[in-house]
Every structure is written in C-alpha cells, then in structure tokens.
N, C-alpha and C. Protein backbone atom coordinates (compact mmCIF):
# COMPACT_ATOMS: atom_id res chain seq x y z
N MET A 1 0.85 -1.13 0.28
CA MET A 1 -0.03 0.07 0.08
C MET A 1 1.04 1.13 0.20
N ASP A 2 0.27 2.33 -0.77
CA ASP A 2 1.37 3.36 -0.75
C ASP A 2 0.75 4.63 -0.19
N LYS A 3 1.22 5.31 0.59
CA LYS A 3 0.82 6.23 1.55
C LYS A 3 -0.62 6.61 1.33
N LYS A 4 -0.62 6.94 0.22
CA LYS A 4 -2.50 7.89 -0.17
C LYS A 4 -3.25 6.29 0.65
N GLU A 5 -3.04 5.66 -0.24
CA GLU A 5 -3.66 4.57 0.06
C GLU A 5 -4.19 3.73 1.78
N ILE A 6 -2.51 4.23 2.40
CA ILE A 6 -3.23 3.94 3.64
C ILE A 6 -3.93 4.67 4.14
N PHE A 7 -3.69 6.05 4.06
CA PHE A 7 -5.07 7.24 4.53
C PHE A 7 -6.08 6.60 4.36
N MET A 8 -6.26 6.62 3.05
CA MET A 8 -7.88 6.10 2.89
C MET A 8 -8.24 5.17 3.91
N GLU A 9 -7.07 3.85 3.99
CA GLU A 9 -7.70 2.96 4.87
C GLU A 9 -8.03 3.37 6.27
N ILE A 10 -7.07 3.87 7.00
CA ILE A 10 -6.90 4.57 7.92
C ILE A 10 -8.13 5.67 8.26
N GLU A 11 -8.75 6.15 7.19
CA GLU A 11 -9.62 7.09 7.24
C GLU A 11 -11.25 6.35 7.20
N LYS A 12 -11.63 4.98 6.32
CA LYS A 12 -12.39 4.53 6.05
C LYS A 12 -12.78 3.85 8.10
N HIS A 13 -11.45 3.36 8.82
CA HIS A 13 -11.97 2.98 10.50
C HIS A 13 -12.21 4.00 11.11
N LEU A 14 -11.34 4.85 10.83
CA LEU A 14 -11.91 6.27 11.33
C LEU A 14 -13.46 6.64 11.71
N LEU A 15 -14.00 6.19 10.14
CA LEU A 15 -14.69 7.33 9.95
C LEU A 15 -16.51 5.62 10.00
N GLU A 16 -16.33 4.75 10.49
CA GLU A 16 -17.09 3.60 10.32
C GLU A 16 -16.67 2.55 11.12
N ASP A 17 -16.03 2.53 12.11
CA ASP A 17 -15.48 1.39 13.31
C ASP A 17 -16.14 2.06 14.33
N GLU A 18 -17.11 1.30 15.29
CA GLU A 18 -17.30 1.52 16.85
C GLU A 18 -16.30 2.16 17.16
N ARG A 19 -14.92 1.12 17.42
CA ARG A 19 -13.64 1.26 17.81
C ARG A 19 -12.60 1.37 17.09
N PRO A 20 -12.29 2.47 16.27
CA PRO A 20 -10.80 2.20 15.27
C PRO A 20 -9.56 1.83 16.52
N SER A 21 -9.80 2.32 17.10
CA SER A 21 -8.50 1.91 17.59
C SER A 21 -7.75 0.51 17.31
N LEU A 22 -8.93 -0.47 17.20
CA LEU A 22 -9.15 -1.63 17.42
C LEU A 22 -8.41 -2.28 16.09
N PHE A 23 -8.47 -1.62 15.20
CA PHE A 23 -7.92 -1.34 13.86
C PHE A 23 -6.74 -0.52 13.71
N LEU A 24 -6.20 0.19 14.35
CA LEU A 24 -4.88 0.77 14.60
C LEU A 24 -3.93 0.37 15.16
N LYS A 25 -4.25 -0.71 16.21
CA LYS A 25 -3.64 -1.18 16.78
C LYS A 25 -2.79 -2.09 15.48
N ARG A 26 -3.95 -2.85 15.31
CA ARG A 26 -3.12 -3.89 14.59
C ARG A 26 -2.48 -3.46 13.67
N PHE A 27 -2.85 -2.95 12.74
CA PHE A 27 -2.02 -2.06 11.57
C PHE A 27 -0.73 -1.66 11.96
N LEU A 28 -0.45 -0.88 13.25
CA LEU A 28 0.86 -0.54 13.65
C LEU A 28 1.63 -1.79 13.87
N GLU A 29 1.19 -2.87 14.38
CA GLU A 29 2.01 -3.65 15.07
C GLU A 29 1.96 -4.51 13.86
N ASN A 30 1.80 -4.65 12.74
CA ASN A 30 2.24 -5.61 11.22
C ASN A 30 3.29 -4.20 10.70
N ASN A 31 3.52 -3.43 11.07
CA ASN A 31 4.81 -2.28 10.56
C ASN A 31 3.53 -1.72 9.78
N LYS A 32 2.87 -1.54 9.33
CA LYS A 32 2.21 -1.36 8.06
C LYS A 32 1.81 0.28 7.58
N ILE A 33 2.54 1.09 9.01
CA ILE A 33 2.30 2.23 8.49
C ILE A 33 3.66 2.79 9.46
N ASP A 34 4.61 2.41 9.71
CA ASP A 34 5.61 3.19 10.69
C ASP A 34 6.82 3.61 9.57
N ILE A 35 5.94 4.30 8.47
CA ILE A 35 6.70 5.27 7.54
C ILE A 35 6.66 6.79 7.47
N ASN A 36 7.78 7.81 7.34
CA ASN A 36 6.91 9.01 7.10
C ASN A 36 5.75 9.22 5.84
N PRO A 37 4.32 10.15 6.40
CA PRO A 37 4.40 10.95 7.77
C PRO A 37 3.66 10.03 9.03
N TYR A 38 3.77 8.32 8.71
CA TYR A 38 2.94 8.27 9.85
C TYR A 38 3.43 7.63 11.19
N ASN A 39 5.23 7.77 10.77
CA ASN A 39 5.70 7.95 12.03
C ASN A 39 5.56 9.01 13.00
N MET A 40 4.52 9.53 12.62
CA MET A 40 4.56 11.07 13.61
C MET A 40 3.22 10.47 14.75
N ILE A 41 2.72 9.68 14.12
CA ILE A 41 1.66 8.53 14.97
C ILE A 41 2.39 7.77 15.90
N THR A 42 2.94 6.33 15.16
CA THR A 42 3.55 5.69 15.75
C THR A 42 4.88 5.84 16.74
N ASP A 43 5.71 7.20 16.48
CA ASP A 43 6.65 8.06 17.55
C ASP A 43 5.77 8.10 18.98
N LEU A 44 4.38 7.87 18.78
CA LEU A 44 3.84 8.30 20.06
C LEU A 44 4.12 7.64 21.03
N LYS A 45 4.05 6.27 20.77
CA LYS A 45 4.10 5.07 21.51
C LYS A 45 5.22 5.62 22.45
N GLU A 46 6.46 6.27 22.32
CA GLU A 46 7.97 5.81 23.23
C GLU A 46 7.41 7.26 24.09
N ILE A 47 6.69 8.02 23.72
CA ILE A 47 6.18 9.06 24.55
C ILE A 47 5.43 9.38 25.78
N PRO A 48 6.17 9.14 26.94
CA PRO A 48 5.43 9.06 28.09
C PRO A 48 4.54 10.35 28.48
N GLN A 49 3.84 10.41 29.60
CA GLN A 49 2.85 11.24 30.07
C GLN A 49 3.02 11.05 31.88
N GLU A 50 2.29 12.55 32.22
CA GLU A 50 2.39 12.16 33.79
C GLU A 50 1.26 11.58 34.24
N PRO A 51 1.18 10.54 35.04
CA PRO A 51 0.16 9.50 35.83
C PRO A 51 -0.60 9.96 36.02
N LYS A 52 -0.39 10.65 36.96
CA LYS A 52 -1.56 11.47 37.29
C LYS A 52 -2.40 12.18 36.64
N HIS A 53 -2.36 12.42 35.44
CA HIS A 53 -3.37 13.19 34.67
C HIS A 53 -3.65 12.19 33.63
N HIS A 54 -2.53 11.12 33.18
CA HIS A 54 -2.68 10.32 31.99
C HIS A 54 -2.62 8.90 32.71
N PRO A 55 -3.68 7.92 33.32
CA PRO A 55 -2.88 6.67 34.13
C PRO A 55 -1.99 5.82 32.89
N GLU A 56 -3.12 6.10 31.84
CA GLU A 56 -3.41 5.25 30.55
C GLU A 56 -1.71 4.63 29.81
N GLY A 57 -0.94 5.30 30.36
CA GLY A 57 0.44 5.75 29.94
C GLY A 57 0.92 6.58 28.45
N SER A 58 1.11 5.36 27.65
CA SER A 58 1.84 6.68 26.34
C SER A 58 1.10 7.70 26.19
N VAL A 59 1.75 8.60 25.48
CA VAL A 59 0.42 9.31 24.28
C VAL A 59 -0.46 8.34 23.48
N PHE A 60 0.10 7.51 22.63
CA PHE A 60 0.09 6.57 21.82
C PHE A 60 -1.15 6.03 22.09
N ASN A 61 -1.39 5.43 23.92
CA ASN A 61 -2.34 4.40 24.54
C ASN A 61 -3.64 6.05 24.53
N HIS A 62 -3.31 7.14 24.82
CA HIS A 62 -3.93 8.26 24.98
C HIS A 62 -4.79 8.19 24.08
N ILE A 63 -3.71 8.57 22.61
CA ILE A 63 -4.84 8.54 21.42
C ILE A 63 -5.68 7.76 21.23
N MET A 64 -5.34 6.67 21.02
CA MET A 64 -5.89 5.27 20.68
C MET A 64 -7.68 5.61 21.94
N MET A 65 -7.71 6.08 22.98
CA MET A 65 -8.95 6.34 23.47
C MET A 65 -9.57 7.16 23.14
N VAL A 66 -8.85 8.33 22.37
CA VAL A 66 -9.07 9.08 22.26
C VAL A 66 -10.21 9.29 21.06
N VAL A 67 -9.39 8.51 19.87
CA VAL A 67 -10.61 7.88 18.90
C VAL A 67 -11.81 7.40 19.15
N ASP A 68 -11.62 6.64 20.06
CA ASP A 68 -12.78 5.46 20.57
C ASP A 68 -14.00 6.67 20.86
N GLU A 69 -13.33 7.52 22.28
CA GLU A 69 -14.55 8.52 22.49
C GLU A 69 -14.95 9.38 21.41
N ALA A 70 -14.04 9.70 20.33
CA ALA A 70 -14.83 10.60 19.23
C ALA A 70 -15.95 9.50 18.37
N ALA A 71 -15.40 8.41 18.31
CA ALA A 71 -16.31 7.38 17.37
C ALA A 71 -17.72 7.94 17.62
N LYS A 72 -17.48 7.67 19.56
CA LYS A 72 -18.93 7.41 20.18
C LYS A 72 -19.64 9.16 19.89
N LYS A 73 -19.26 9.86 19.14
CA LYS A 73 -20.05 11.39 19.23
C LYS A 73 -19.97 11.96 17.72
N ARG A 74 -19.09 11.05 16.53
CA ARG A 74 -18.93 11.45 15.39
C ARG A 74 -20.51 11.82 14.57
N LYS A 75 -21.61 11.16 15.05
CA LYS A 75 -22.70 11.77 14.38
C LYS A 75 -23.17 13.32 14.50
N LEU A 76 -22.50 13.67 15.98
CA LEU A 76 -23.50 14.95 16.14
C LEU A 76 -22.39 15.99 15.63
N SER A 77 -21.13 15.60 14.85
CA SER A 77 -20.32 16.41 13.98
C SER A 77 -20.80 16.73 12.75
N LYS A 78 -20.48 17.95 12.68
CA LYS A 78 -20.52 18.66 11.10
C LYS A 78 -19.75 17.79 10.13
N ASN A 79 -18.69 18.00 10.30
CA ASN A 79 -17.57 17.17 10.13
C ASN A 79 -16.73 15.95 10.15
N MET A 80 -17.49 15.37 10.12
CA MET A 80 -16.78 13.69 10.60
C MET A 80 -15.64 13.50 10.23
N ARG A 81 -14.97 13.84 9.03
CA ARG A 81 -13.23 13.60 8.92
C ARG A 81 -12.85 14.57 9.72
N VAL A 82 -13.08 16.11 9.79
CA VAL A 82 -12.33 17.13 10.75
C VAL A 82 -12.20 16.44 11.78
N LEU A 83 -12.98 16.13 12.56
CA LEU A 83 -13.44 15.33 14.02
C LEU A 83 -12.35 14.05 14.26
N MET A 84 -12.64 13.35 13.07
CA MET A 84 -11.54 11.94 13.75
C MET A 84 -10.53 12.05 13.64
N TRP A 85 -9.71 12.90 12.09
CA TRP A 85 -8.56 12.74 12.28
C TRP A 85 -7.79 13.66 12.96
N SER A 86 -8.67 14.54 13.42
CA SER A 86 -7.78 15.72 14.63
C SER A 86 -8.25 14.91 15.82
N SER A 87 -9.19 13.89 16.24
CA SER A 87 -8.62 12.88 17.66
C SER A 87 -7.46 12.28 17.33
N LEU A 88 -7.13 12.17 16.23
CA LEU A 88 -5.90 10.99 15.96
C LEU A 88 -4.83 11.57 15.98
N LEU A 89 -4.85 13.06 15.96
CA LEU A 89 -3.16 14.12 15.33
C LEU A 89 -3.02 15.19 16.23
N HIS A 90 -4.28 15.08 17.51
CA HIS A 90 -4.50 16.61 17.70
C HIS A 90 -2.99 16.51 18.46
N ASP A 91 -2.28 15.19 19.35
CA ASP A 91 -1.33 15.46 20.20
C ASP A 91 0.04 15.17 19.70
N ILE A 92 0.22 15.31 18.23
CA ILE A 92 1.60 14.82 17.55
C ILE A 92 2.43 15.47 18.12
N GLY A 93 2.29 16.79 18.44
CA GLY A 93 3.36 17.85 19.28
C GLY A 93 3.74 17.38 20.20
N LYS A 94 3.51 16.41 20.81
CA LYS A 94 4.04 16.01 22.14
C LYS A 94 5.83 15.41 21.91
N THR A 95 5.53 14.72 21.39
CA THR A 95 6.80 14.25 20.48
C THR A 95 8.11 15.13 20.75
N PRO A 96 8.20 16.57 20.59
CA PRO A 96 9.10 17.40 20.55
C PRO A 96 9.15 18.07 21.39
N THR A 97 8.25 18.60 22.20
CA THR A 97 8.09 18.62 23.49
C THR A 97 8.03 18.29 24.75
N THR A 98 7.89 17.08 24.89
CA THR A 98 7.70 16.25 26.02
C THR A 98 9.14 16.25 26.67
N LYS A 99 9.44 16.60 28.12
CA LYS A 99 11.00 16.87 28.56
C LYS A 99 10.18 16.38 30.08
N LYS A 100 11.00 15.95 30.70
CA LYS A 100 10.82 15.82 32.85
C LYS A 100 11.26 17.24 33.13
N ARG A 101 10.40 18.06 33.81
CA ARG A 101 10.59 19.12 34.58
C ARG A 101 10.23 18.84 35.64
N LYS A 102 11.00 19.57 36.96
CA LYS A 102 11.12 19.24 38.27
C LYS A 102 10.37 17.76 38.88
N GLY A 103 10.81 16.72 38.04
CA GLY A 103 10.43 15.74 38.62
C GLY A 103 9.25 14.92 37.65
N ARG A 104 8.45 15.80 36.69
CA ARG A 104 7.24 15.47 36.32
C ARG A 104 6.91 15.47 34.65
N TRP A 105 6.71 15.19 33.97
CA TRP A 105 6.12 15.00 32.67
C TRP A 105 5.27 16.10 32.11
N THR A 106 6.11 16.99 31.42
CA THR A 106 5.22 18.23 30.56
C THR A 106 5.34 18.02 29.16
N SER A 107 4.72 19.20 28.64
CA SER A 107 4.52 18.66 27.13
C SER A 107 4.33 20.11 26.70
N TYR A 108 5.08 21.69 27.19
CA TYR A 108 4.42 23.07 26.98
C TYR A 108 4.47 22.99 25.77
N ASP A 109 3.71 23.91 25.18
CA ASP A 109 3.66 24.20 23.99
C ASP A 109 2.98 23.50 22.97
N HIS A 110 2.75 22.08 23.16
CA HIS A 110 2.67 20.97 22.33
C HIS A 110 1.49 21.07 21.07
N ASP A 111 0.19 22.45 21.39
CA ASP A 111 -0.32 22.42 20.85
C ASP A 111 -0.09 23.34 19.87
N LYS A 112 1.02 24.40 19.84
CA LYS A 112 1.18 24.99 18.61
C LYS A 112 2.19 24.15 18.13
N VAL A 113 3.04 23.76 18.79
CA VAL A 113 4.17 22.59 17.28
C VAL A 113 2.79 21.74 16.98
N GLY A 114 1.98 21.25 17.56
CA GLY A 114 1.63 20.60 16.76
C GLY A 114 0.18 20.64 15.58
N GLU A 115 -0.08 21.91 15.81
CA GLU A 115 -0.69 22.64 14.67
C GLU A 115 1.15 22.82 13.46
N LYS A 116 1.77 22.82 13.76
CA LYS A 116 2.62 22.89 12.17
C LYS A 116 2.92 21.83 11.94
N MET A 117 3.26 20.17 12.88
CA MET A 117 3.07 19.21 12.95
C MET A 117 2.00 18.56 11.38
N VAL A 118 0.83 19.04 12.13
CA VAL A 118 -0.41 18.35 11.07
C VAL A 118 -0.09 18.59 9.96
N MET A 119 -0.12 19.93 9.22
CA MET A 119 0.00 20.60 7.92
C MET A 119 1.63 19.94 7.46
N GLU A 120 2.22 19.45 8.35
CA GLU A 120 3.81 18.96 7.55
C GLU A 120 2.97 17.08 7.57
N PHE A 121 2.40 17.11 7.95
CA PHE A 121 1.72 15.39 7.98
C PHE A 121 1.06 15.51 6.45
N PHE A 122 0.05 16.49 6.24
CA PHE A 122 -0.56 16.31 5.37
C PHE A 122 0.50 17.24 3.82
N GLN A 123 1.37 17.85 4.11
CA GLN A 123 1.94 17.92 2.82
C GLN A 123 3.06 16.91 2.52
N GLU A 124 3.05 15.77 3.46
CA GLU A 124 3.93 14.79 3.02
C GLU A 124 3.12 13.70 2.40
N LEU A 125 1.89 13.71 2.30
CA LEU A 125 1.11 12.85 1.87
C LEU A 125 0.49 13.39 0.22
N GLY A 126 1.17 14.72 -0.13
CA GLY A 126 1.24 15.46 -0.98
C GLY A 126 -0.53 15.84 -0.78
N PHE A 127 -1.59 15.90 0.20
CA PHE A 127 -2.39 16.27 0.19
C PHE A 127 -3.41 17.16 -0.57
N GLU A 128 -4.09 17.06 -1.51
CA GLU A 128 -5.01 17.94 -2.18
C GLU A 128 -6.22 18.96 -1.50
N ASN A 129 -6.59 18.32 -0.49
CA ASN A 129 -7.60 19.21 0.40
C ASN A 129 -7.25 19.98 1.33
N LYS A 130 -6.43 21.20 0.76
CA LYS A 130 -5.99 21.89 1.71
C LYS A 130 -6.37 22.23 3.02
N ASP A 131 -8.22 22.91 2.45
CA ASP A 131 -9.16 23.38 3.68
C ASP A 131 -9.47 22.28 4.88
N LEU A 132 -8.98 20.91 4.47
CA LEU A 132 -9.41 20.04 5.02
C LEU A 132 -8.12 19.77 6.03
N ALA A 133 -6.87 20.19 5.43
CA ALA A 133 -6.03 19.77 6.41
C ALA A 133 -5.26 20.97 7.17
N LEU A 134 -5.94 22.21 6.79
CA LEU A 134 -5.88 23.35 7.74
C LEU A 134 -6.95 23.26 8.62
N LYS A 135 -8.10 22.78 8.88
CA LYS A 135 -9.16 22.45 9.56
C LYS A 135 -8.67 21.70 10.77
N ILE A 136 -7.83 20.40 10.59
CA ILE A 136 -7.34 20.01 11.23
C ILE A 136 -6.44 20.62 12.19
N SER A 137 -5.36 20.98 11.34
CA SER A 137 -4.33 22.05 12.17
C SER A 137 -4.80 22.36 13.14
N LYS A 138 -5.85 23.31 12.73
CA LYS A 138 -6.03 24.58 13.49
C LYS A 138 -7.50 24.00 14.90
N MET A 139 -7.65 22.52 14.97
CA MET A 139 -8.37 21.87 15.73
C MET A 139 -6.52 21.52 16.70
N ALA A 140 -5.81 20.81 16.26
CA ALA A 140 -4.35 20.80 17.14
C ALA A 140 -4.43 21.95 18.15
N ARG A 141 -3.99 22.89 17.49
CA ARG A 141 -3.64 24.32 17.64
C ARG A 141 -4.99 24.76 19.15
N TRP A 142 -5.42 24.79 18.70
CA TRP A 142 -6.78 25.12 20.01
C TRP A 142 -7.31 24.03 20.97
N HIS A 143 -7.36 22.50 20.65
CA HIS A 143 -8.02 21.41 21.65
C HIS A 143 -7.62 21.81 23.19
N MET A 144 -6.26 22.66 23.57
CA MET A 144 -6.23 22.67 25.20
C MET A 144 -6.91 24.09 25.35
N GLN A 145 -7.50 24.87 24.74
CA GLN A 145 -8.13 25.87 24.88
C GLN A 145 -9.55 25.74 26.29
N ALA A 146 -10.10 24.66 26.39
CA ALA A 146 -11.33 24.55 26.99
C ALA A 146 -10.88 24.74 28.22
N LEU A 147 -9.11 24.19 28.81
CA LEU A 147 -8.74 24.24 30.08
C LEU A 147 -8.11 25.28 30.37
N PHE A 148 -7.68 26.29 28.95
CA PHE A 148 -7.06 27.46 29.71
C PHE A 148 -8.38 28.34 29.69
N VAL A 149 -9.62 28.10 28.85
CA VAL A 149 -10.71 29.56 29.53
C VAL A 149 -11.50 28.80 31.19
N ILE A 150 -11.50 27.01 31.25
CA ILE A 150 -12.36 27.54 32.40
C ILE A 150 -11.56 28.01 33.78
N LYS A 151 -9.91 27.77 33.60
CA LYS A 151 -9.12 28.05 34.75
C LYS A 151 -9.32 29.36 34.63
N SER A 152 -9.57 29.94 33.56
CA SER A 152 -9.26 31.46 33.38
C SER A 152 -7.60 32.24 33.11
N LEU A 153 -6.95 30.84 32.59
CA LEU A 153 -5.31 30.83 32.82
C LEU A 153 -4.95 32.17 31.56
N PRO A 154 -3.92 32.62 31.65
CA PRO A 154 -3.99 33.80 30.17
C PRO A 154 -3.46 33.04 28.99
N PHE A 155 -2.89 31.99 28.73
CA PHE A 155 -2.82 31.24 27.56
C PHE A 155 -4.16 31.18 27.02
N ALA A 156 -5.14 31.38 27.76
CA ALA A 156 -7.33 31.49 26.86
C ALA A 156 -6.78 32.82 25.74
N ASP A 157 -7.57 32.33 24.56
CA ASP A 157 -7.69 33.43 23.36
C ASP A 157 -8.68 33.29 22.87
N ILE A 158 -9.90 33.29 23.30
CA ILE A 158 -11.30 33.42 22.87
C ILE A 158 -12.05 34.03 21.67
N GLU A 159 -10.98 34.89 21.13
CA GLU A 159 -11.23 35.82 20.17
C GLU A 159 -10.59 35.19 18.85
N THR A 160 -9.27 34.73 19.09
CA THR A 160 -8.75 34.32 17.73
C THR A 160 -9.28 32.96 17.43
N MET A 161 -9.42 32.32 18.61
CA MET A 161 -9.83 30.92 18.79
C MET A 161 -11.20 30.72 17.73
N ILE A 162 -12.03 31.36 18.06
CA ILE A 162 -13.59 32.00 17.18
C ILE A 162 -12.88 32.02 15.72
N GLU A 163 -12.08 32.70 15.69
CA GLU A 163 -12.41 33.20 14.13
C GLU A 163 -11.43 31.75 13.52
N GLU A 164 -10.50 30.65 13.86
CA GLU A 164 -10.09 29.83 13.92
C GLU A 164 -10.39 28.56 13.27
N VAL A 165 -11.65 28.30 14.63
CA VAL A 165 -12.44 26.96 14.72
C VAL A 165 -13.77 27.54 14.67
N GLU A 166 -14.62 25.93 13.98
CA GLU A 166 -15.81 25.95 15.21
C GLU A 166 -15.80 25.17 16.16
N VAL A 167 -16.49 26.60 17.27
CA VAL A 167 -16.51 26.13 18.66
C VAL A 167 -16.66 24.74 18.74
N GLU A 168 -17.99 24.45 18.64
CA GLU A 168 -19.07 22.91 18.40
C GLU A 168 -17.90 21.68 18.24
N GLU A 169 -17.29 21.72 17.00
CA GLU A 169 -16.52 20.98 16.53
C GLU A 169 -15.16 20.92 17.52
N LEU A 170 -15.01 21.75 17.93
CA LEU A 170 -13.94 22.10 19.16
C LEU A 170 -14.09 21.02 20.22
N ALA A 171 -15.14 21.70 20.81
CA ALA A 171 -16.20 20.79 21.96
C ALA A 171 -16.11 19.63 21.71
N LEU A 172 -16.44 18.80 21.26
CA LEU A 172 -16.37 17.69 20.70
C LEU A 172 -14.97 16.64 20.78
N LEU A 173 -14.06 17.24 20.06
CA LEU A 173 -12.56 16.75 20.38
C LEU A 173 -11.74 17.20 21.39
N THR A 174 -12.65 18.34 22.27
CA THR A 174 -11.91 18.44 23.46
C THR A 174 -12.59 17.55 24.64
N VAL A 175 -14.11 17.02 24.40
CA VAL A 175 -14.84 16.25 24.95
C VAL A 175 -14.19 14.56 25.35
N SER A 176 -13.86 14.22 23.92
CA SER A 176 -12.92 12.92 23.58
C SER A 176 -11.65 13.31 23.90
N ASP A 177 -11.01 14.36 24.25
CA ASP A 177 -9.89 14.18 24.43
C ASP A 177 -9.58 13.75 26.40
N ARG A 178 -10.72 14.61 26.68
CA ARG A 178 -10.68 14.99 28.11
C ARG A 178 -11.34 13.22 28.85
N LEU A 179 -12.00 12.56 27.98
CA LEU A 179 -12.49 11.54 28.42
C LEU A 179 -11.30 10.36 27.92
N GLY A 180 -10.97 10.67 26.86
CA GLY A 180 -10.04 9.21 26.71
C GLY A 180 -8.81 9.24 27.84
N ARG A 181 -8.63 9.24 28.84
CA ARG A 181 -7.86 9.04 29.59
C ARG A 181 -8.43 7.85 30.61
N GLY A 182 -7.36 7.18 30.95
CA GLY A 182 -7.44 5.72 32.13
C GLY A 182 -8.16 5.76 33.45
N LYS A 183 -8.77 5.32 33.70
CA LYS A 183 -9.62 4.95 35.29
C LYS A 183 -10.26 6.47 36.12
N LEU A 184 -10.74 6.58 34.55
CA LEU A 184 -12.18 8.09 35.35
C LEU A 184 -13.30 7.40 35.68
N THR A 185 -13.62 7.51 36.74
CA THR A 185 -14.96 6.94 37.51
C THR A 185 -15.93 8.04 36.98
N GLU A 186 -17.13 7.40 36.92
CA GLU A 186 -18.35 7.97 35.97
C GLU A 186 -18.78 9.56 36.85
N SER A 187 -18.36 9.86 38.06
CA SER A 187 -18.61 11.22 38.15
C SER A 187 -17.65 12.40 37.80
N GLN A 188 -16.04 11.66 37.76
CA GLN A 188 -15.26 12.46 36.60
C GLN A 188 -15.88 12.15 35.36
N ARG A 189 -16.01 11.51 34.85
CA ARG A 189 -16.74 11.67 33.25
C ARG A 189 -17.99 12.88 33.06
N LYS A 190 -18.80 13.22 34.15
CA LYS A 190 -20.07 13.71 34.21
C LYS A 190 -19.11 15.38 34.39
N GLN A 191 -17.88 15.23 35.27
CA GLN A 191 -17.77 16.35 35.52
C GLN A 191 -16.47 17.39 34.16
N VAL A 192 -16.15 16.02 33.25
CA VAL A 192 -15.83 16.37 31.92
C VAL A 192 -16.44 17.09 31.55
N ILE A 193 -17.63 16.74 31.07
CA ILE A 193 -18.78 17.46 30.44
C ILE A 193 -19.17 18.38 30.55
N ASP A 194 -19.27 18.78 31.97
CA ASP A 194 -19.87 19.71 32.65
C ASP A 194 -19.17 20.86 32.34
N ASP A 195 -17.57 20.74 32.74
CA ASP A 195 -16.71 22.02 32.20
C ASP A 195 -16.78 22.27 30.99
N ILE A 196 -16.95 21.35 30.01
CA ILE A 196 -16.63 21.53 28.33
C ILE A 196 -17.97 22.39 28.47
N ASN A 197 -19.42 22.87 28.93
CA ASN A 197 -20.37 23.25 28.91
C ASN A 197 -20.31 24.41 29.44
N LYS A 198 -19.29 24.82 30.42
CA LYS A 198 -19.03 25.98 31.28
C LYS A 198 -18.31 26.35 30.06
N PHE A 199 -17.63 25.65 29.54
CA PHE A 199 -16.56 26.49 28.14
C PHE A 199 -17.15 27.05 27.33
N LEU A 200 -17.89 26.21 26.51
CA LEU A 200 -18.97 26.26 25.52
C LEU A 200 -20.08 27.76 26.13
N ILE A 201 -20.09 28.25 27.53
CA ILE A 201 -21.01 29.18 28.02
C ILE A 201 -20.05 30.48 27.91
N LYS A 202 -19.00 30.59 28.45
CA LYS A 202 -17.98 31.10 28.65
C LYS A 202 -17.48 32.12 27.11
N VAL A 203 -17.78 30.95 26.24
CA VAL A 203 -17.53 31.47 24.56
C VAL A 203 -18.31 32.12 24.01
N SER A 204 -19.46 31.82 24.38
CA SER A 204 -20.80 32.70 24.34
C SER A 204 -20.91 33.89 24.04
N GLU A 205 -20.73 34.03 25.80
CA GLU A 205 -20.47 35.41 26.18
C GLU A 205 -19.62 36.51 25.59
N VAL A 206 -18.67 35.68 24.77
CA VAL A 206 -17.31 36.48 24.09
C VAL A 206 -18.13 36.61 22.32
N SER A 207 -19.11 35.82 22.29
CA SER A 207 -19.15 35.83 20.68
C SER A 207 -20.28 36.05 20.34
N GLY A 208 -21.44 35.65 21.48
CA GLY A 208 -22.82 36.54 20.94
C GLY A 208 -23.34 35.26 20.63
N GLU A 209 -22.92 34.00 20.04
CA GLU A 209 -23.29 33.05 19.16
C GLU A 209 -24.21 31.64 20.85
N LYS A 210 -25.21 31.22 19.87
CA LYS A 210 -25.44 29.90 21.51
C LYS A 210 -25.40 28.58 20.82
N TYR A 211 -24.33 27.86 21.69
CA TYR A 211 -23.92 26.82 20.74
C TYR A 211 -24.73 25.76 22.23
N SER A 212 -24.93 24.33 20.69
CA SER A 212 -25.25 23.13 21.59
C SER A 212 -24.78 22.78 22.76
N LYS A 213 -25.40 22.56 23.61
CA LYS A 213 -24.87 21.79 25.46
C LYS A 213 -24.33 20.17 25.02
N ILE A 214 -23.45 19.97 25.24
CA ILE A 214 -23.41 18.60 25.34
C ILE A 214 -24.16 17.75 26.50
N ASN A 215 -24.77 16.54 25.82
CA ASN A 215 -25.52 15.78 26.78
C ASN A 215 -24.34 15.11 27.09
N TYR A 216 -25.29 13.97 28.22
CA TYR A 216 -24.03 12.67 28.61
C TYR A 216 -24.73 11.63 28.13
C-alpha cells in the first residue's frame, strides 16, 4: 500500500468503526504505517505522560482512547473527517515537546507545535484538500483552550480561537480528549462534560453565539 492508500484505509475505519483503535493497533503492530508521515503517530508509543493526569501511559495509548471516544460522538459532528482525524493527530506535537521538568512530565506548547506538524503530515502525503488539512491543524492548535478558558489562564484567547475553528466541533474533540484517559470514574466523566459546557457558555458570552450543550 502506498501512503495515500494507507490514508484512505485509516480514514475508512475512523469514520465507520465503533472502536477505530482496534484496527489502528493491529495496523501498527504489522508495521504497515511505520513510515513517514505515519511515524508521527507511531512515535507516540515512546512518549510518556504524567501518570497523575494520564494513568493510561503513553501518548499513543491516550490517542487510541480518544479516537474511540470521538467515534461515539462523530454523528453529532458537522464534519466527521475533521473530528476523527483531529482525534488521531491532535497530540503529535508532544513528541518534540515532552520533557521532564522538576520531576514530572510536561509538554509545553505541544498544541502550537502540533498545528505545524499536522500541516507537515498532510504536505508529506501530497494531500490536495488543503482546507481539510488546515481545519485539522487548527483543531490541534486550539484543543487545550477549554482548559485554559475554564481556569482563566493567561493562555486563553477566545477571540482568535473563534476566528479559526468551529466552537462546537472543538468542544466535541475536547470532550473526547478529556474522556480519553484511564481510570476515570463516572462522576469524573460527568465533570468533564460539565466543564466543557461551562467553556461553551464562556465562549458564547464573548461571541454572542449560542452553542448546543453536550449531553451525558
């Protein structure tokens, strides 16, 4: 299979499978996508995360959980291709940014680095749908914003975010990202959804738009 055939095969499972991770894991174990640019995904198997926030282990383990969470919500999306590819690629910026600082694993600016890496991913494929590639890169860029906005952190930038992504689509990715972690209790899962709905309310206050609430 060439690079574009691999892309189409992965996309088919992202858009159709109840649990796309089952296919992706098998595909990787057979070494079928350990080539550029797909090594941007396989490299994540070697990238650790702080156990307190990610008891599931590596970034790769995390994104496998995220794609399965996104698959549960993809019918709510206006553009399933953007949502599902974003769920797979949103954390590729963690490979160059992950470092141990003061005894814990961090990945500062992986969202900004990831935006550029997503574009490199599609450029390597010779991908002709530049609009789709751009939308996915912007989802990677802004996938941390809900956390920043909810906690009123200085990294929050609602105005620019609104210009670059569709807020409800970003919310679907963010819920999938936050739920795609190990050992979450039912009350913790509910808290994630409550937090994202608070994010939508805060963004609505700035944009003047009304966004659909995410249900349990």
